[in-house]
Structures are given as structure tokens and as C-alpha cells.
PDB file of N, CA and C in Angstrom:
ATOM      1  N   MET A   1     183.302  -2.456 -26.550  1.00  0.00           N
ATOM      2  CA  MET A   1     182.801  -3.363 -25.541  1.00  0.00           C
ATOM      3  C   MET A   1     183.407  -4.738 -25.782  1.00  0.00           C
ATOM      4  N   LYS A   2     183.921  -5.367 -24.752  1.00  0.00           N
ATOM      5  CA  LYS A   2     184.531  -6.675 -24.883  1.00  0.00           C
ATOM      6  C   LYS A   2     183.456  -7.738 -25.060  1.00  0.00           C
ATOM      7  N   ASN A   3     183.787  -8.782 -25.842  1.00  0.00           N
ATOM      8  CA  ASN A   3     182.839  -9.860 -26.079  1.00  0.00           C
ATOM      9  C   ASN A   3     182.372 -10.520 -24.801  1.00  0.00           C
ATOM     10  N   GLN A   4     183.263 -10.654 -23.805  1.00  0.00           N
ATOM     11  CA  GLN A   4     182.870 -11.316 -22.566  1.00  0.00           C
ATOM     12  C   GLN A   4     181.787 -10.527 -21.849  1.00  0.00           C
ATOM     13  N   ASN A   5     181.709  -9.239 -22.093  1.00  0.00           N
ATOM     14  CA  ASN A   5     180.669  -8.420 -21.485  1.00  0.00           C
ATOM     15  C   ASN A   5     179.445  -8.288 -22.388  1.00  0.00           C
ATOM     16  N   LEU A   6     179.566  -8.717 -23.627  1.00  0.00           N
ATOM     17  CA  LEU A   6     178.492  -8.541 -24.594  1.00  0.00           C
ATOM     18  C   LEU A   6     177.582  -9.761 -24.695  1.00  0.00           C
ATOM     19  N   PHE A   7     178.152 -10.953 -24.661  1.00  0.00           N
ATOM     20  CA  PHE A   7     177.376 -12.159 -24.909  1.00  0.00           C
ATOM     21  C   PHE A   7     177.038 -12.932 -23.639  1.00  0.00           C
ATOM     22  N   ASN A   8     175.799 -13.432 -23.591  1.00  0.00           N
ATOM     23  CA  ASN A   8     175.313 -14.320 -22.538  1.00  0.00           C
ATOM     24  C   ASN A   8     175.694 -13.888 -21.121  1.00  0.00           C
ATOM     25  N   ARG A   9     175.274 -12.707 -20.773  1.00  0.00           N
ATOM     26  CA  ARG A   9     175.511 -12.199 -19.429  1.00  0.00           C
ATOM     27  C   ARG A   9     174.840 -13.102 -18.402  1.00  0.00           C
ATOM     28  N   LYS A  10     175.551 -13.363 -17.324  1.00  0.00           N
ATOM     29  CA  LYS A  10     175.032 -14.255 -16.279  1.00  0.00           C
ATOM     30  C   LYS A  10     173.718 -13.764 -15.706  1.00  0.00           C
ATOM     31  N   SER A  11     173.544 -12.460 -15.646  1.00  0.00           N
ATOM     32  CA  SER A  11     172.313 -11.903 -15.077  1.00  0.00           C
ATOM     33  C   SER A  11     171.074 -12.246 -15.912  1.00  0.00           C
ATOM     34  N   LEU A  12     171.267 -12.656 -17.162  1.00  0.00           N
ATOM     35  CA  LEU A  12     170.146 -13.000 -18.043  1.00  0.00           C
ATOM     36  C   LEU A  12     169.960 -14.505 -18.210  1.00  0.00           C
ATOM     37  N   LYS A  13     170.766 -15.300 -17.524  1.00  0.00           N
ATOM     38  CA  LYS A  13     170.717 -16.757 -17.690  1.00  0.00           C
ATOM     39  C   LYS A  13     169.322 -17.315 -17.421  1.00  0.00           C
ATOM     40  N   PHE A  14     168.673 -16.891 -16.338  1.00  0.00           N
ATOM     41  CA  PHE A  14     167.343 -17.376 -16.001  1.00  0.00           C
ATOM     42  C   PHE A  14     166.345 -17.041 -17.109  1.00  0.00           C
ATOM     43  N   PHE A  15     166.416 -15.812 -17.641  1.00  0.00           N
ATOM     44  CA  PHE A  15     165.486 -15.392 -18.686  1.00  0.00           C
ATOM     45  C   PHE A  15     165.707 -16.165 -19.979  1.00  0.00           C
ATOM     46  N   ARG A  16     166.979 -16.395 -20.333  1.00  0.00           N
ATOM     47  CA  ARG A  16     167.280 -17.178 -21.547  1.00  0.00           C
ATOM     48  C   ARG A  16     166.712 -18.586 -21.419  1.00  0.00           C
ATOM     49  N   SER A  17     166.933 -19.193 -20.273  1.00  0.00           N
ATOM     50  CA  SER A  17     166.451 -20.546 -20.028  1.00  0.00           C
ATOM     51  C   SER A  17     164.921 -20.599 -20.075  1.00  0.00           C
ATOM     52  N   SER A  18     164.297 -19.628 -19.461  1.00  0.00           N
ATOM     53  CA  SER A  18     162.834 -19.566 -19.436  1.00  0.00           C
ATOM     54  C   SER A  18     162.271 -19.431 -20.849  1.00  0.00           C
ATOM     55  N   LEU A  19     162.881 -18.592 -21.669  1.00  0.00           N
ATOM     56  CA  LEU A  19     162.423 -18.416 -23.045  1.00  0.00           C
ATOM     57  C   LEU A  19     162.597 -19.695 -23.862  1.00  0.00           C
ATOM     58  N   ARG A  20     163.705 -20.407 -23.637  1.00  0.00           N
ATOM     59  CA  ARG A  20     163.912 -21.677 -24.355  1.00  0.00           C
ATOM     60  C   ARG A  20     162.845 -22.694 -23.974  1.00  0.00           C
ATOM     61  N   ASN A  21     162.487 -22.723 -22.694  1.00  0.00           N
ATOM     62  CA  ASN A  21     161.508 -23.697 -22.203  1.00  0.00           C
ATOM     63  C   ASN A  21     160.079 -23.353 -22.604  1.00  0.00           C
ATOM     64  N   LYS A  22     159.823 -22.099 -22.975  1.00  0.00           N
ATOM     65  CA  LYS A  22     158.478 -21.656 -23.336  1.00  0.00           C
ATOM     66  C   LYS A  22     158.424 -21.171 -24.782  1.00  0.00           C
ATOM     67  N   SER A  23     159.150 -21.823 -25.654  1.00  0.00           N
ATOM     68  CA  SER A  23     159.202 -21.351 -27.035  1.00  0.00           C
ATOM     69  C   SER A  23     157.854 -21.548 -27.730  1.00  0.00           C
ATOM     70  N   THR A  24     157.599 -20.707 -28.699  1.00  0.00           N
ATOM     71  CA  THR A  24     156.373 -20.808 -29.489  1.00  0.00           C
ATOM     72  C   THR A  24     156.524 -21.945 -30.498  1.00  0.00           C
ATOM     73  N   SER A  25     155.425 -22.342 -31.093  1.00  0.00           N
ATOM     74  CA  SER A  25     155.489 -23.409 -32.101  1.00  0.00           C
ATOM     75  C   SER A  25     156.326 -22.952 -33.300  1.00  0.00           C
ATOM     76  N   ALA A  26     156.239 -21.679 -33.664  1.00  0.00           N
ATOM     77  CA  ALA A  26     157.039 -21.159 -34.783  1.00  0.00           C
ATOM     78  C   ALA A  26     158.529 -21.227 -34.456  1.00  0.00           C
ATOM     79  N   GLU A  27     158.889 -20.877 -33.221  1.00  0.00           N
ATOM     80  CA  GLU A  27     160.292 -20.954 -32.810  1.00  0.00           C
ATOM     81  C   GLU A  27     160.774 -22.401 -32.817  1.00  0.00           C
ATOM     82  N   ALA A  28     159.934 -23.329 -32.376  1.00  0.00           N
ATOM     83  CA  ALA A  28     160.311 -24.749 -32.359  1.00  0.00           C
ATOM     84  C   ALA A  28     160.558 -25.263 -33.776  1.00  0.00           C
ATOM     85  N   VAL A  29     159.695 -24.873 -34.703  1.00  0.00           N
ATOM     86  CA  VAL A  29     159.855 -25.303 -36.103  1.00  0.00           C
ATOM     87  C   VAL A  29     161.146 -24.737 -36.682  1.00  0.00           C
ATOM     88  N   LEU A  30     161.379 -23.440 -36.477  1.00  0.00           N
ATOM     89  CA  LEU A  30     162.594 -22.828 -37.017  1.00  0.00           C
ATOM     90  C   LEU A  30     163.834 -23.423 -36.360  1.00  0.00           C
ATOM     91  N   TRP A  31     163.789 -23.690 -35.071  1.00  0.00           N
ATOM     92  CA  TRP A  31     164.941 -24.261 -34.382  1.00  0.00           C
ATOM     93  C   TRP A  31     165.281 -25.638 -34.962  1.00  0.00           C
ATOM     94  N   ASN A  32     164.275 -26.430 -35.319  1.00  0.00           N
ATOM     95  CA  ASN A  32     164.543 -27.735 -35.931  1.00  0.00           C
ATOM     96  C   ASN A  32     165.266 -27.595 -37.261  1.00  0.00           C
ATOM     97  N   ILE A  33     165.051 -26.493 -37.948  1.00  0.00           N
ATOM     98  CA  ILE A  33     165.734 -26.233 -39.213  1.00  0.00           C
ATOM     99  C   ILE A  33     167.169 -25.743 -38.973  1.00  0.00           C
ATOM    100  N   LEU A  34     167.350 -24.921 -37.939  1.00  0.00           N
ATOM    101  CA  LEU A  34     168.640 -24.273 -37.705  1.00  0.00           C
ATOM    102  C   LEU A  34     169.621 -25.093 -36.875  1.00  0.00           C
ATOM    103  N   LYS A  35     169.117 -25.927 -35.972  1.00  0.00           N
ATOM    104  CA  LYS A  35     170.015 -26.613 -35.040  1.00  0.00           C
ATOM    105  C   LYS A  35     170.913 -27.621 -35.746  1.00  0.00           C
ATOM    106  N   SER A  36     171.976 -27.967 -35.082  1.00  0.00           N
ATOM    107  CA  SER A  36     172.933 -28.981 -35.568  1.00  0.00           C
ATOM    108  C   SER A  36     173.535 -28.626 -36.916  1.00  0.00           C
ATOM    109  N   LYS A  37     173.707 -27.337 -37.164  1.00  0.00           N
ATOM    110  CA  LYS A  37     174.348 -26.853 -38.394  1.00  0.00           C
ATOM    111  C   LYS A  37     173.673 -27.364 -39.660  1.00  0.00           C
ATOM    112  N   LYS A  38     172.349 -27.505 -39.618  1.00  0.00           N
ATOM    113  CA  LYS A  38     171.614 -28.022 -40.777  1.00  0.00           C
ATOM    114  C   LYS A  38     171.505 -27.005 -41.908  1.00  0.00           C
ATOM    115  N   LEU A  39     171.639 -25.732 -41.608  1.00  0.00           N
ATOM    116  CA  LEU A  39     171.508 -24.697 -42.628  1.00  0.00           C
ATOM    117  C   LEU A  39     172.897 -24.269 -43.098  1.00  0.00           C
ATOM    118  N   ASN A  40     173.328 -24.818 -44.204  1.00  0.00           N
ATOM    119  CA  ASN A  40     174.622 -24.485 -44.810  1.00  0.00           C
ATOM    120  C   ASN A  40     175.775 -24.542 -43.818  1.00  0.00           C
ATOM    121  N   ALA A  41     175.730 -25.501 -42.902  1.00  0.00           N
ATOM    122  CA  ALA A  41     176.779 -25.725 -41.900  1.00  0.00           C
ATOM    123  C   ALA A  41     176.999 -24.512 -40.990  1.00  0.00           C
ATOM    124  N   ARG A  42     176.003 -23.653 -40.862  1.00  0.00           N
ATOM    125  CA  ARG A  42     176.101 -22.486 -39.974  1.00  0.00           C
ATOM    126  C   ARG A  42     175.616 -22.881 -38.587  1.00  0.00           C
ATOM    127  N   LYS A  43     176.355 -22.466 -37.571  1.00  0.00           N
ATOM    128  CA  LYS A  43     175.957 -22.762 -36.195  1.00  0.00           C
ATOM    129  C   LYS A  43     175.078 -21.632 -35.674  1.00  0.00           C
ATOM    130  N   PHE A  44     173.878 -21.989 -35.258  1.00  0.00           N
ATOM    131  CA  PHE A  44     172.958 -21.031 -34.661  1.00  0.00           C
ATOM    132  C   PHE A  44     172.808 -21.331 -33.177  1.00  0.00           C
ATOM    133  N   ARG A  45     172.569 -20.290 -32.422  1.00  0.00           N
ATOM    134  CA  ARG A  45     172.281 -20.404 -30.999  1.00  0.00           C
ATOM    135  C   ARG A  45     170.881 -19.891 -30.758  1.00  0.00           C
ATOM    136  N   ARG A  46     170.192 -20.528 -29.834  1.00  0.00           N
ATOM    137  CA  ARG A  46     168.810 -20.155 -29.525  1.00  0.00           C
ATOM    138  C   ARG A  46     168.780 -19.382 -28.221  1.00  0.00           C
ATOM    139  N   GLN A  47     167.982 -18.294 -28.181  1.00  0.00           N
ATOM    140  CA  GLN A  47     167.838 -17.440 -26.999  1.00  0.00           C
ATOM    141  C   GLN A  47     169.211 -17.051 -26.468  1.00  0.00           C
ATOM    142  N   HIS A  48     169.961 -16.396 -27.307  1.00  0.00           N
ATOM    143  CA  HIS A  48     171.335 -15.976 -27.013  1.00  0.00           C
ATOM    144  C   HIS A  48     171.315 -14.493 -26.685  1.00  0.00           C
ATOM    145  N   SER A  49     171.909 -14.120 -25.556  1.00  0.00           N
ATOM    146  CA  SER A  49     171.858 -12.699 -25.195  1.00  0.00           C
ATOM    147  C   SER A  49     173.053 -11.941 -25.771  1.00  0.00           C
ATOM    148  N   ILE A  50     172.726 -10.738 -26.222  1.00  0.00           N
ATOM    149  CA  ILE A  50     173.714  -9.793 -26.738  1.00  0.00           C
ATOM    150  C   ILE A  50     173.453  -8.500 -25.986  1.00  0.00           C
ATOM    151  N   GLY A  51     174.389  -8.105 -25.159  1.00  0.00           N
ATOM    152  CA  GLY A  51     174.141  -6.974 -24.267  1.00  0.00           C
ATOM    153  C   GLY A  51     173.001  -7.342 -23.337  1.00  0.00           C
ATOM    154  N   ASN A  52     172.046  -6.453 -23.197  1.00  0.00           N
ATOM    155  CA  ASN A  52     170.890  -6.720 -22.345  1.00  0.00           C
ATOM    156  C   ASN A  52     169.704  -7.271 -23.119  1.00  0.00           C
ATOM    157  N   TYR A  53     169.920  -7.647 -24.371  1.00  0.00           N
ATOM    158  CA  TYR A  53     168.847  -8.160 -25.214  1.00  0.00           C
ATOM    159  C   TYR A  53     169.038  -9.654 -25.453  1.00  0.00           C
ATOM    160  N   ILE A  54     167.935 -10.358 -25.631  1.00  0.00           N
ATOM    161  CA  ILE A  54     167.989 -11.788 -25.912  1.00  0.00           C
ATOM    162  C   ILE A  54     167.434 -12.021 -27.312  1.00  0.00           C
ATOM    163  N   ALA A  55     168.305 -12.530 -28.184  1.00  0.00           N
ATOM    164  CA  ALA A  55     167.917 -12.816 -29.565  1.00  0.00           C
ATOM    165  C   ALA A  55     167.271 -14.190 -29.636  1.00  0.00           C
ATOM    166  N   ASP A  56     166.218 -14.320 -30.444  1.00  0.00           N
ATOM    167  CA  ASP A  56     165.593 -15.626 -30.622  1.00  0.00           C
ATOM    168  C   ASP A  56     166.612 -16.619 -31.181  1.00  0.00           C
ATOM    169  N   PHE A  57     167.309 -16.220 -32.237  1.00  0.00           N
ATOM    170  CA  PHE A  57     168.328 -17.062 -32.856  1.00  0.00           C
ATOM    171  C   PHE A  57     169.501 -16.182 -33.264  1.00  0.00           C
ATOM    172  N   PHE A  58     170.723 -16.729 -33.145  1.00  0.00           N
ATOM    173  CA  PHE A  58     171.910 -15.942 -33.445  1.00  0.00           C
ATOM    174  C   PHE A  58     172.956 -16.830 -34.098  1.00  0.00           C
ATOM    175  N   CYS A  59     173.510 -16.363 -35.214  1.00  0.00           N
ATOM    176  CA  CYS A  59     174.602 -17.043 -35.900  1.00  0.00           C
ATOM    177  C   CYS A  59     175.843 -16.165 -35.772  1.00  0.00           C
ATOM    178  N   VAL A  60     176.828 -16.647 -35.032  1.00  0.00           N
ATOM    179  CA  VAL A  60     178.033 -15.863 -34.772  1.00  0.00           C
ATOM    180  C   VAL A  60     178.805 -15.584 -36.055  1.00  0.00           C
ATOM    181  N   SER A  61     179.022 -16.625 -36.873  1.00  0.00           N
ATOM    182  CA  SER A  61     179.856 -16.464 -38.065  1.00  0.00           C
ATOM    183  C   SER A  61     179.278 -15.457 -39.057  1.00  0.00           C
ATOM    184  N   GLU A  62     177.963 -15.350 -39.105  1.00  0.00           N
ATOM    185  CA  GLU A  62     177.309 -14.427 -40.026  1.00  0.00           C
ATOM    186  C   GLU A  62     176.919 -13.110 -39.360  1.00  0.00           C
ATOM    187  N   LYS A  63     177.103 -13.031 -38.039  1.00  0.00           N
ATOM    188  CA  LYS A  63     176.665 -11.861 -37.259  1.00  0.00           C
ATOM    189  C   LYS A  63     175.189 -11.566 -37.553  1.00  0.00           C
ATOM    190  N   LEU A  64     174.398 -12.648 -37.514  1.00  0.00           N
ATOM    191  CA  LEU A  64     172.996 -12.583 -37.895  1.00  0.00           C
ATOM    192  C   LEU A  64     172.091 -12.886 -36.712  1.00  0.00           C
ATOM    193  N   VAL A  65     171.130 -12.002 -36.482  1.00  0.00           N
ATOM    194  CA  VAL A  65     170.105 -12.180 -35.456  1.00  0.00           C
ATOM    195  C   VAL A  65     168.784 -12.410 -36.177  1.00  0.00           C
ATOM    196  N   ILE A  66     168.059 -13.458 -35.776  1.00  0.00           N
ATOM    197  CA  ILE A  66     166.736 -13.738 -36.330  1.00  0.00           C
ATOM    198  C   ILE A  66     165.720 -13.585 -35.211  1.00  0.00           C
ATOM    199  N   GLU A  67     164.696 -12.782 -35.461  1.00  0.00           N
ATOM    200  CA  GLU A  67     163.634 -12.534 -34.486  1.00  0.00           C
ATOM    201  C   GLU A  67     162.290 -12.934 -35.064  1.00  0.00           C
ATOM    202  N   LEU A  68     161.516 -13.694 -34.297  1.00  0.00           N
ATOM    203  CA  LEU A  68     160.138 -14.032 -34.661  1.00  0.00           C
ATOM    204  C   LEU A  68     159.233 -13.251 -33.726  1.00  0.00           C
ATOM    205  N   ASP A  69     158.431 -12.369 -34.288  1.00  0.00           N
ATOM    206  CA  ASP A  69     157.582 -11.494 -33.483  1.00  0.00           C
ATOM    207  C   ASP A  69     156.123 -11.878 -33.617  1.00  0.00           C
ATOM    208  N   GLY A  70     155.428 -11.878 -32.494  1.00  0.00           N
ATOM    209  CA  GLY A  70     153.994 -12.142 -32.480  1.00  0.00           C
ATOM    210  C   GLY A  70     153.220 -10.863 -32.266  1.00  0.00           C
ATOM    211  N   ASN A  71     151.958 -10.978 -31.921  1.00  0.00           N
ATOM    212  CA  ASN A  71     151.076  -9.824 -31.742  1.00  0.00           C
ATOM    213  C   ASN A  71     151.571  -8.776 -30.759  1.00  0.00           C
ATOM    214  N   PRO A  72     152.163  -9.129 -29.618  1.00  0.00           N
ATOM    215  CA  PRO A  72     152.585  -8.073 -28.692  1.00  0.00           C
ATOM    216  C   PRO A  72     153.546  -7.067 -29.312  1.00  0.00           C
ATOM    217  N   HIS A  73     154.276  -7.475 -30.338  1.00  0.00           N
ATOM    218  CA  HIS A  73     155.220  -6.559 -30.976  1.00  0.00           C
ATOM    219  C   HIS A  73     154.522  -5.567 -31.899  1.00  0.00           C
ATOM    220  N   GLY A  74     153.236  -5.741 -32.141  1.00  0.00           N
ATOM    221  CA  GLY A  74     152.493  -4.832 -32.998  1.00  0.00           C
ATOM    222  C   GLY A  74     152.043  -3.563 -32.300  1.00  0.00           C
ATOM    223  N   GLU A  75     152.161  -3.512 -30.985  1.00  0.00           N
ATOM    224  CA  GLU A  75     151.775  -2.319 -30.237  1.00  0.00           C
ATOM    225  C   GLU A  75     152.844  -1.240 -30.423  1.00  0.00           C
ATOM    226  N   TYR A  76     152.405   0.014 -30.417  1.00  0.00           N
ATOM    227  CA  TYR A  76     153.310   1.125 -30.703  1.00  0.00           C
ATOM    228  C   TYR A  76     154.553   1.117 -29.814  1.00  0.00           C
ATOM    229  N   HIS A  77     154.371   0.986 -28.498  1.00  0.00           N
ATOM    230  CA  HIS A  77     155.532   1.052 -27.606  1.00  0.00           C
ATOM    231  C   HIS A  77     156.475  -0.133 -27.827  1.00  0.00           C
ATOM    232  N   LYS A  78     155.938  -1.275 -28.243  1.00  0.00           N
ATOM    233  CA  LYS A  78     156.793  -2.429 -28.554  1.00  0.00           C
ATOM    234  C   LYS A  78     157.569  -2.197 -29.845  1.00  0.00           C
ATOM    235  N   ILE A  79     156.917  -1.557 -30.811  1.00  0.00           N
ATOM    236  CA  ILE A  79     157.594  -1.247 -32.075  1.00  0.00           C
ATOM    237  C   ILE A  79     158.766  -0.304 -31.818  1.00  0.00           C
ATOM    238  N   GLU A  80     158.538   0.712 -31.001  1.00  0.00           N
ATOM    239  CA  GLU A  80     159.606   1.661 -30.662  1.00  0.00           C
ATOM    240  C   GLU A  80     160.737   0.969 -29.900  1.00  0.00           C
ATOM    241  N   LYS A  81     160.381   0.081 -29.000  1.00  0.00           N
ATOM    242  CA  LYS A  81     161.383  -0.665 -28.236  1.00  0.00           C
ATOM    243  C   LYS A  81     162.207  -1.552 -29.174  1.00  0.00           C
ATOM    244  N   ASP A  82     161.539  -2.188 -30.144  1.00  0.00           N
ATOM    245  CA  ASP A  82     162.237  -3.028 -31.123  1.00  0.00           C
ATOM    246  C   ASP A  82     163.193  -2.196 -31.983  1.00  0.00           C
ATOM    247  N   LYS A  83     162.782  -0.980 -32.350  1.00  0.00           N
ATOM    248  CA  LYS A  83     163.666  -0.105 -33.137  1.00  0.00           C
ATOM    249  C   LYS A  83     164.932   0.231 -32.358  1.00  0.00           C
ATOM    250  N   LYS A  84     164.768   0.534 -31.089  1.00  0.00           N
ATOM    251  CA  LYS A  84     165.918   0.853 -30.227  1.00  0.00           C
ATOM    252  C   LYS A  84     166.836  -0.368 -30.104  1.00  0.00           C
ATOM    253  N   ARG A  85     166.229  -1.517 -29.926  1.00  0.00           N
ATOM    254  CA  ARG A  85     166.974  -2.773 -29.811  1.00  0.00           C
ATOM    255  C   ARG A  85     167.733  -3.064 -31.099  1.00  0.00           C
ATOM    256  N   ASP A  86     167.059  -2.911 -32.243  1.00  0.00           N
ATOM    257  CA  ASP A  86     167.694  -3.156 -33.533  1.00  0.00           C
ATOM    258  C   ASP A  86     168.883  -2.227 -33.741  1.00  0.00           C
ATOM    259  N   GLN A  87     168.736  -0.974 -33.389  1.00  0.00           N
ATOM    260  CA  GLN A  87     169.838  -0.019 -33.537  1.00  0.00           C
ATOM    261  C   GLN A  87     171.029  -0.428 -32.678  1.00  0.00           C
ATOM    262  N   TYR A  88     170.759  -0.864 -31.447  1.00  0.00           N
ATOM    263  CA  TYR A  88     171.815  -1.328 -30.542  1.00  0.00           C
ATOM    264  C   TYR A  88     172.569  -2.503 -31.165  1.00  0.00           C
ATOM    265  N   LEU A  89     171.831  -3.424 -31.779  1.00  0.00           N
ATOM    266  CA  LEU A  89     172.453  -4.607 -32.365  1.00  0.00           C
ATOM    267  C   LEU A  89     173.145  -4.304 -33.696  1.00  0.00           C
ATOM    268  N   GLU A  90     172.631  -3.330 -34.438  1.00  0.00           N
ATOM    269  CA  GLU A  90     173.242  -2.983 -35.723  1.00  0.00           C
ATOM    270  C   GLU A  90     174.534  -2.183 -35.552  1.00  0.00           C
ATOM    271  N   ASP A  91     174.661  -1.426 -34.468  1.00  0.00           N
ATOM    272  CA  ASP A  91     175.847  -0.598 -34.253  1.00  0.00           C
ATOM    273  C   ASP A  91     177.152  -1.404 -34.298  1.00  0.00           C
ATOM    274  N   PRO A  92     177.234  -2.578 -33.635  1.00  0.00           N
ATOM    275  CA  PRO A  92     178.476  -3.356 -33.739  1.00  0.00           C
ATOM    276  C   PRO A  92     178.548  -4.231 -34.992  1.00  0.00           C
ATOM    277  N   GLY A  93     177.563  -4.121 -35.897  1.00  0.00           N
ATOM    278  CA  GLY A  93     177.636  -4.819 -37.171  1.00  0.00           C
ATOM    279  C   GLY A  93     176.766  -6.053 -37.312  1.00  0.00           C
ATOM    280  N   PHE A  94     175.837  -6.268 -36.410  1.00  0.00           N
ATOM    281  CA  PHE A  94     174.929  -7.412 -36.539  1.00  0.00           C
ATOM    282  C   PHE A  94     173.811  -7.070 -37.515  1.00  0.00           C
ATOM    283  N   SER A  95     173.369  -8.083 -38.274  1.00  0.00           N
ATOM    284  CA  SER A  95     172.213  -7.940 -39.151  1.00  0.00           C
ATOM    285  C   SER A  95     171.021  -8.549 -38.442  1.00  0.00           C
ATOM    286  N   ILE A  96     169.864  -7.913 -38.564  1.00  0.00           N
ATOM    287  CA  ILE A  96     168.649  -8.404 -37.924  1.00  0.00           C
ATOM    288  C   ILE A  96     167.640  -8.751 -38.999  1.00  0.00           C
ATOM    289  N   LYS A  97     167.143  -9.960 -38.946  1.00  0.00           N
ATOM    290  CA  LYS A  97     166.050 -10.405 -39.800  1.00  0.00           C
ATOM    291  C   LYS A  97     164.859 -10.639 -38.879  1.00  0.00           C
ATOM    292  N   ARG A  98     163.777  -9.937 -39.145  1.00  0.00           N
ATOM    293  CA  ARG A  98     162.607  -9.993 -38.282  1.00  0.00           C
ATOM    294  C   ARG A  98     161.415 -10.489 -39.092  1.00  0.00           C
ATOM    295  N   LYS A  99     160.705 -11.451 -38.535  1.00  0.00           N
ATOM    296  CA  LYS A  99     159.511 -11.992 -39.177  1.00  0.00           C
ATOM    297  C   LYS A  99     158.342 -11.762 -38.225  1.00  0.00           C
ATOM    298  N   ASP A 100     157.347 -11.029 -38.698  1.00  0.00           N
ATOM    299  CA  ASP A 100     156.139 -10.801 -37.910  1.00  0.00           C
ATOM    300  C   ASP A 100     155.185 -11.968 -38.150  1.00  0.00           C
ATOM    301  N   LEU A 101     154.733 -12.563 -37.069  1.00  0.00           N
ATOM    302  CA  LEU A 101     153.820 -13.692 -37.140  1.00  0.00           C
ATOM    303  C   LEU A 101     152.454 -13.278 -36.661  1.00  0.00           C
ATOM    304  N   GLU A 102     151.448 -13.806 -37.280  1.00  0.00           N
ATOM    305  CA  GLU A 102     150.066 -13.546 -36.869  1.00  0.00           C
ATOM    306  C   GLU A 102     149.586 -14.717 -36.029  1.00  0.00           C
ATOM    307  N   TYR A 103     149.152 -14.413 -34.815  1.00  0.00           N
ATOM    308  CA  TYR A 103     148.588 -15.445 -33.942  1.00  0.00           C
ATOM    309  C   TYR A 103     147.089 -15.251 -33.887  1.00  0.00           C
ATOM    310  N   GLU A 104     146.368 -16.339 -33.874  1.00  0.00           N
ATOM    311  CA  GLU A 104     144.916 -16.244 -33.773  1.00  0.00           C
ATOM    312  C   GLU A 104     144.481 -16.650 -32.397  1.00  0.00           C
TER     313      GLU A 104
END
């Protein structure tokens, strides 16, 4: 699959923008740490789409996807969907780091 067809598909632009505008407090805190190459001079992108999936954070140079999951991801069908998504992202060599967050 060509990179131009893999990253930031135009059909997902509205969804990426919406997710950036409605980020959780945990995402905002992590973004403040990752933005502007503050973490070991690595460039991270926020709400970056890969195929039909939108990663919370993505570092191109490290091929690293970071996901922050809340309660909705604890449901069985969401867990299965996440497994399918992770497999899709791991096939071309991306690493996924997932952090489950507890919301009250």
C-alpha cells in the first residue's frame, strides 16, 4: 500500500479535526509532553489517520502509535475491534502502546 493512500485520508479529515477539538484531559496532558519535539526530539502527530484508523498520537520516525483508552474500550466488542485495529497497524511494522484509563 502506498503511503499516500495510507496516511491522513481526506475522507477522515472531519473526524480527525473533531477528535482534536474534543480531546480528553489525559490526551491534552500527553500532547503537551509530546508536541514541539519535546520528547527526545521526536516529532509526534495528534489524531493522525493510518488507513481507516485514527491514532491518538503517532511518531513517524519510530513507527509508534500511542493510544489512550477510556471506559468504552472495556466492552467486549470494543476490545475485539481494538485487536483487529492493532493487527492492521502491526502488519506494516508499527508498534502500538496502549494505556487504559479509568474514568469516574
